[in-house]
């Protein structure tokens, strides 16, 4: 057997442990590395045997790090981050292809980013922006993503976050639907068929949250759920009910007349949109350029569409 360089544990075991610890799940780590959960577990067990201590505490649906695991994970996060950053600098300095990978949800990519990205390309034609578009926070946590645009409180674990903008939320529907269902107050709006985005993310505002934030009284709601915000808005355009509109995303649809604002009630979004990146990873020059463009190009907190 060849002698290990610098007495390092097997790299495959370190990679498996880092992914499982970061994802807090053997299953998600296996999906990221394209292997089976059993293979991940075997690699971590071998690492724990060599270390002589437990590194992960395995639960029914998730795993947690032991204090020893926290120490190793912090070192691996710094080390892998520096390796990626160094390799990107080498590629850039050698005249190689300049690229940056940005992660975001489907709605943000389609409704906010893509209409504006031409501006970035005209300014930086030597930089290719690759995209990981997913409504799963696990997918957006993958190591190959340089920057992420996320909605929340800005306090994600092991991520640096810079606020882009807040938002206003109000009900939207098709003009035809609004004509059939005139709504003057909260009770009128919330008595209608409501289109709800179901994400499993507590930071996302649902109809019950919006009703409370807009000053309404709790009541039974008729909800039809979707796992995609884009599809929910399409259903609203087709006259199937009322959706909650984030102004930064739906303003063009309202301005074009595809959607109208129903009623006069609105609320300020509890969270905001942020650009984030791994706090242990040095950003490449290309990633810094895109980050700075996102920050400079983000509008101030948007004014809501004219209501009534």
Protein backbone atom coordinates (compact mmCIF):
# COMPACT_ATOMS: atom_id res chain seq x y z
CA UNK A 1 0.00 0.00 0.00
CA UNK A 2 1.30 3.45 -0.91
CA UNK A 3 2.17 5.65 2.02
CA UNK A 4 -0.27 8.49 2.58
CA UNK A 5 0.99 11.99 1.90
CA UNK A 6 1.30 14.05 5.10
CA UNK A 7 -0.55 11.31 7.03
CA UNK A 8 -3.87 12.54 5.68
CA UNK A 9 -6.96 10.34 6.04
CA UNK A 10 -8.38 9.10 2.72
CA UNK A 11 -9.65 12.04 0.67
CA UNK A 12 -12.85 10.16 -0.23
CA UNK A 13 -13.69 9.82 3.46
CA UNK A 14 -13.02 13.50 4.10
CA UNK A 15 -15.20 14.54 1.15
CA UNK A 16 -18.03 12.26 2.31
CA UNK A 17 -17.86 13.60 5.87
CA UNK A 18 -17.74 17.25 4.74
CA UNK A 19 -20.81 16.81 2.53
CA UNK A 20 -22.81 14.95 5.20
CA UNK A 21 -21.90 17.49 7.90
CA UNK A 22 -22.73 20.46 5.68
CA UNK A 23 -25.99 18.98 4.42
CA UNK A 24 -26.91 17.58 7.86
CA UNK A 25 -28.02 14.44 6.01
CA UNK A 26 -26.47 11.26 4.63
CA UNK A 27 -29.14 11.10 1.94
CA UNK A 28 -28.56 14.64 0.69
CA UNK A 29 -24.79 14.13 0.80
CA UNK A 30 -25.18 10.96 -1.27
CA UNK A 31 -27.28 12.82 -3.83
CA UNK A 32 -24.69 15.60 -4.07
CA UNK A 33 -21.80 13.16 -4.58
CA UNK A 34 -23.81 10.79 -6.79
CA UNK A 35 -23.30 7.73 -4.57
CA UNK A 36 -25.52 5.73 -2.22
CA UNK A 37 -26.22 6.72 1.40
CA UNK A 38 -24.61 3.43 2.39
CA UNK A 39 -21.37 4.43 0.68
CA UNK A 40 -21.36 7.76 2.53
CA UNK A 41 -21.98 6.00 5.85
CA UNK A 42 -19.17 3.51 5.18
CA UNK A 43 -16.66 6.27 4.41
CA UNK A 44 -17.58 8.22 7.54
CA UNK A 45 -17.43 5.10 9.70
CA UNK A 46 -13.91 4.39 8.41
CA UNK A 47 -12.92 7.97 9.25
CA UNK A 48 -14.37 7.66 12.76
CA UNK A 49 -12.55 4.36 13.27
CA UNK A 50 -9.24 5.94 12.32
CA UNK A 51 -9.89 9.01 14.48
CA UNK A 52 -11.02 6.88 17.41
CA UNK A 53 -14.02 9.13 18.13
CA UNK A 54 -17.53 9.68 16.77
CA UNK A 55 -17.77 12.58 14.35
CA UNK A 56 -21.49 12.46 13.56
CA UNK A 57 -24.55 11.62 15.63
CA UNK A 58 -27.01 9.85 13.36
CA UNK A 59 -30.71 10.60 13.81
CA UNK A 60 -33.76 9.23 12.02
CA UNK A 61 -33.81 11.93 9.33
CA UNK A 62 -30.69 13.99 9.94
CA UNK A 63 -27.22 13.96 11.44
CA UNK A 64 -25.52 16.30 13.89
CA UNK A 65 -21.82 16.87 14.45
CA UNK A 66 -20.08 15.98 17.68
CA UNK A 67 -17.63 18.56 19.09
CA UNK A 68 -14.80 16.63 17.39
CA UNK A 69 -16.81 16.63 14.16
CA UNK A 70 -17.25 20.41 14.38
CA UNK A 71 -13.48 20.85 14.61
CA UNK A 72 -12.82 18.67 11.57
CA UNK A 73 -15.65 20.19 9.53
CA UNK A 74 -14.41 23.74 10.16
CA UNK A 75 -10.93 22.76 8.96
CA UNK A 76 -12.27 21.01 5.86
CA UNK A 77 -14.54 23.92 4.99
CA UNK A 78 -11.61 26.34 5.12
CA UNK A 79 -9.32 23.97 3.25
CA UNK A 80 -11.72 23.04 0.44
CA UNK A 81 -12.74 26.67 0.06
CA UNK A 82 -9.14 27.79 -0.33
CA UNK A 83 -8.44 25.01 -2.83
CA UNK A 84 -11.40 26.05 -5.00
CA UNK A 85 -10.44 29.72 -4.80
CA UNK A 86 -6.80 28.98 -5.68
CA UNK A 87 -7.79 26.84 -8.64
CA UNK A 88 -10.11 29.56 -9.94
CA UNK A 89 -7.30 32.12 -9.65
CA UNK A 90 -4.97 29.80 -11.57
CA UNK A 91 -7.54 29.36 -14.34
CA UNK A 92 -8.08 33.10 -14.59
CA UNK A 93 -4.37 33.99 -14.60
CA UNK A 94 -3.63 31.41 -17.31
CA UNK A 95 -6.11 32.98 -19.71
CA UNK A 96 -8.64 30.21 -19.18
CA UNK A 97 -12.39 30.61 -19.46
CA UNK A 98 -13.78 33.04 -16.86
CA UNK A 99 -17.04 31.89 -15.30
CA UNK A 100 -19.10 32.17 -12.13
CA UNK A 101 -22.01 30.01 -10.94
CA UNK A 102 -25.06 31.66 -9.40
CA UNK A 103 -27.81 29.80 -7.54
CA UNK A 104 -31.37 31.06 -7.17
CA UNK A 105 -34.99 29.95 -7.13
CA UNK A 106 -36.93 29.50 -10.34
CA UNK A 107 -39.09 32.56 -9.65
CA UNK A 108 -36.17 34.88 -8.93
CA UNK A 109 -34.21 33.66 -11.95
CA UNK A 110 -37.12 33.96 -14.38
CA UNK A 111 -38.84 37.07 -13.08
CA UNK A 112 -36.06 39.26 -11.67
CA UNK A 113 -32.65 38.10 -12.84
CA UNK A 114 -33.09 37.18 -16.51
CA UNK A 115 -34.71 40.48 -17.57
CA UNK A 116 -31.68 42.30 -16.11
CA UNK A 117 -28.79 39.96 -16.87
CA UNK A 118 -28.28 41.38 -20.35
CA UNK A 119 -26.99 44.52 -18.66
CA UNK A 120 -24.32 42.49 -16.87
CA UNK A 121 -23.33 40.67 -20.06
CA UNK A 122 -22.92 43.93 -22.00
CA UNK A 123 -20.59 45.24 -19.28
CA UNK A 124 -18.66 41.96 -18.76
CA UNK A 125 -18.69 39.98 -21.99
CA UNK A 126 -15.62 38.02 -20.86
CA UNK A 127 -17.48 36.44 -17.90
CA UNK A 128 -19.90 33.55 -18.35
CA UNK A 129 -22.64 33.27 -15.70
CA UNK A 130 -23.71 29.66 -15.11
CA UNK A 131 -26.93 28.96 -13.22
CA UNK A 132 -28.16 26.43 -10.69
CA UNK A 133 -31.91 27.06 -10.56
CA UNK A 134 -33.84 25.18 -7.90
CA UNK A 135 -36.53 25.74 -5.32
CA UNK A 136 -34.70 23.38 -2.94
CA UNK A 137 -32.43 25.01 -0.37
CA UNK A 138 -30.33 21.82 -0.34
CA UNK A 139 -29.55 22.20 -4.04
CA UNK A 140 -28.58 25.83 -3.55
CA UNK A 141 -26.14 24.79 -0.82
CA UNK A 142 -24.00 22.76 -3.22
CA UNK A 143 -20.27 23.49 -3.12
CA UNK A 144 -20.00 24.24 -6.84
CA UNK A 145 -22.14 27.37 -6.47
CA UNK A 146 -20.15 30.59 -6.03
CA UNK A 147 -23.00 32.96 -5.16
CA UNK A 148 -26.63 32.50 -4.13
CA UNK A 149 -29.62 34.82 -4.08
CA UNK A 150 -31.82 33.83 -1.17
CA UNK A 151 -34.95 35.10 0.55
CA UNK A 152 -34.90 35.12 4.33
CA UNK A 153 -33.55 36.87 7.41
CA UNK A 154 -29.92 36.94 6.25
CA UNK A 155 -28.65 34.70 9.05
CA UNK A 156 -27.79 31.45 7.24
CA UNK A 157 -25.23 29.17 8.87
CA UNK A 158 -21.68 29.56 7.49
CA UNK A 159 -22.75 32.12 4.89
CA UNK A 160 -21.91 35.77 4.41
CA UNK A 161 -25.03 37.68 3.34
CA UNK A 162 -25.53 41.17 1.91
CA UNK A 163 -29.06 42.53 1.69
CA UNK A 164 -30.30 43.36 -1.79
CA UNK A 165 -33.83 44.62 -1.17
CA UNK A 166 -37.03 44.11 0.81
CA UNK A 167 -40.47 43.77 -0.72
CA UNK A 168 -44.19 44.42 -0.55
CA UNK A 169 -46.78 41.63 -0.80
CA UNK A 170 -50.32 42.02 -2.13
CA UNK A 171 -53.02 39.82 -3.73
CA UNK A 172 -53.00 39.47 -7.53
CA UNK A 173 -55.32 37.80 -10.01
CA UNK A 174 -56.34 38.02 -13.67
CA UNK A 175 -58.38 41.05 -14.82
CA UNK A 176 -61.27 38.71 -15.71
CA UNK A 177 -61.23 37.11 -12.25
CA UNK A 178 -61.20 40.55 -10.60
CA UNK A 179 -64.18 41.56 -12.75
CA UNK A 180 -66.17 38.54 -11.56
CA UNK A 181 -65.10 38.92 -7.92
CA UNK A 182 -64.94 42.58 -6.86
CA UNK A 183 -63.17 42.73 -3.50
CA UNK A 184 -63.12 45.76 -1.24
CA UNK A 185 -61.73 44.37 2.00
CA UNK A 186 -59.69 41.54 3.48
CA UNK A 187 -62.77 39.40 4.09
CA UNK A 188 -63.74 39.66 0.41
CA UNK A 189 -60.26 38.66 -0.79
CA UNK A 190 -59.75 35.76 1.59
CA UNK A 191 -63.17 34.27 0.86
CA UNK A 192 -62.04 33.54 -2.71
CA UNK A 193 -60.04 30.54 -4.03
CA UNK A 194 -56.47 31.24 -2.92
CA UNK A 195 -53.34 29.94 -4.66
CA UNK A 196 -50.66 29.04 -2.09
CA UNK A 197 -46.96 28.32 -2.56
CA UNK A 198 -45.98 25.35 -0.39
CA UNK A 199 -42.20 25.39 0.17
CA UNK A 200 -41.62 24.01 3.66
CA UNK A 201 -39.58 27.18 4.27
CA UNK A 202 -40.94 29.06 7.30
CA UNK A 203 -39.46 32.34 6.01
CA UNK A 204 -41.84 32.36 3.04
CA UNK A 205 -45.10 34.24 3.62
CA UNK A 206 -48.26 32.21 3.12
CA UNK A 207 -51.85 33.38 3.03
CA UNK A 208 -52.39 32.91 6.78
CA UNK A 209 -49.23 34.97 7.48
CA UNK A 210 -50.28 37.65 5.01
CA UNK A 211 -53.78 37.92 6.47
CA UNK A 212 -52.35 38.42 9.95
CA UNK A 213 -49.72 40.90 8.73
CA UNK A 214 -52.32 42.91 6.81
CA UNK A 215 -54.40 43.27 9.95
CA UNK A 216 -57.09 40.70 9.22
CA UNK A 217 -58.73 38.20 11.51
CA UNK A 218 -57.87 34.51 11.41
CA UNK A 219 -60.37 32.51 9.38
CA UNK A 220 -60.70 29.31 7.40
CA UNK A 221 -59.12 29.71 3.93
CA UNK A 222 -59.76 27.84 0.69
CA UNK A 223 -56.23 26.99 -0.46
CA UNK A 224 -54.91 25.32 -3.58
CA UNK A 225 -51.20 24.58 -3.17
CA UNK A 226 -48.30 24.63 -5.62
CA UNK A 227 -44.62 23.71 -5.24
CA UNK A 228 -43.62 26.36 -7.82
CA UNK A 229 -44.29 30.08 -7.49
CA UNK A 230 -44.06 30.54 -11.27
CA UNK A 231 -46.81 27.94 -11.79
CA UNK A 232 -48.97 29.52 -9.07
CA UNK A 233 -48.72 32.88 -10.85
CA UNK A 234 -49.57 31.25 -14.16
CA UNK A 235 -52.70 29.80 -12.54
CA UNK A 236 -53.58 33.30 -11.33
CA UNK A 237 -53.15 34.67 -14.87
CA UNK A 238 -55.45 31.92 -16.12
CA UNK A 239 -58.22 33.08 -13.76
CA UNK A 240 -58.01 30.14 -11.35
CA UNK A 241 -57.76 32.17 -8.15
CA UNK A 242 -55.78 34.76 -6.20
CA UNK A 243 -52.04 34.52 -5.55
CA UNK A 244 -49.77 36.52 -3.29
CA UNK A 245 -47.61 38.85 -5.35
CA UNK A 246 -44.09 39.84 -4.29
CA UNK A 247 -43.81 43.27 -5.91
CA UNK A 248 -40.20 42.80 -7.04
CA UNK A 249 -41.31 39.73 -9.01
CA UNK A 250 -44.85 40.49 -10.22
CA UNK A 251 -44.58 44.21 -11.02
CA UNK A 252 -43.94 43.58 -14.77
CA UNK A 253 -47.01 41.30 -14.93
CA UNK A 254 -49.13 44.00 -13.29
CA UNK A 255 -47.73 46.71 -15.55
CA UNK A 256 -48.46 44.61 -18.64
CA UNK A 257 -52.04 43.94 -17.51
CA UNK A 258 -51.60 40.18 -17.21
CA UNK A 259 -52.33 40.48 -13.48
CA UNK A 260 -54.14 43.10 -11.42
CA UNK A 261 -53.89 43.93 -7.74
CA UNK A 262 -57.03 42.82 -5.91
CA UNK A 263 -58.22 45.06 -3.10
CA UNK A 264 -56.16 47.66 -1.26
CA UNK A 265 -54.54 45.59 1.50
CA UNK A 266 -50.82 44.91 1.47
CA UNK A 267 -48.00 44.15 3.89
CA UNK A 268 -44.26 44.64 4.02
CA UNK A 269 -42.43 41.35 3.53
CA UNK A 270 -41.05 40.06 6.82
CA UNK A 271 -37.80 38.98 5.15
CA UNK A 272 -35.63 40.27 2.30
CA UNK A 273 -33.58 39.10 -0.67
CA UNK A 274 -29.83 38.62 -0.08
CA UNK A 275 -26.78 37.70 -2.10
CA UNK A 276 -24.80 35.13 -0.10
CA UNK A 277 -21.66 33.01 -0.31
CA UNK A 278 -19.68 30.56 1.79
CA UNK A 279 -17.98 32.55 4.54
CA UNK A 280 -15.01 30.17 4.49
CA UNK A 281 -14.44 30.52 0.75
CA UNK A 282 -12.55 33.30 -1.00
CA UNK A 283 -14.58 34.60 -3.93
CA UNK A 284 -12.99 34.50 -7.35
CA UNK A 285 -12.54 37.82 -9.20
CA UNK A 286 -15.49 36.87 -11.43
CA UNK A 287 -17.72 36.13 -8.45
CA UNK A 288 -16.81 39.48 -6.87
CA UNK A 289 -17.74 41.28 -10.10
CA UNK A 290 -21.15 39.56 -10.21
CA UNK A 291 -21.73 40.12 -6.50
CA UNK A 292 -20.99 43.83 -6.83
CA UNK A 293 -23.24 44.10 -9.89
CA UNK A 294 -26.12 42.45 -8.02
CA UNK A 295 -25.66 44.86 -5.11
CA UNK A 296 -25.45 47.95 -7.31
CA UNK A 297 -28.25 46.88 -9.64
CA UNK A 298 -30.72 45.89 -6.93
CA UNK A 299 -33.40 48.51 -6.55
CA UNK A 300 -34.16 50.11 -3.20
CA UNK A 301 -37.09 48.58 -1.36
CA UNK A 302 -39.76 48.71 -4.05
CA UNK A 303 -42.89 50.79 -3.89
CA UNK A 304 -46.04 48.68 -4.26
CA UNK A 305 -48.12 48.88 -7.37
CA UNK A 306 -50.93 51.40 -7.29
CA UNK A 307 -53.79 49.76 -5.47
CA UNK A 308 -57.51 50.14 -5.65
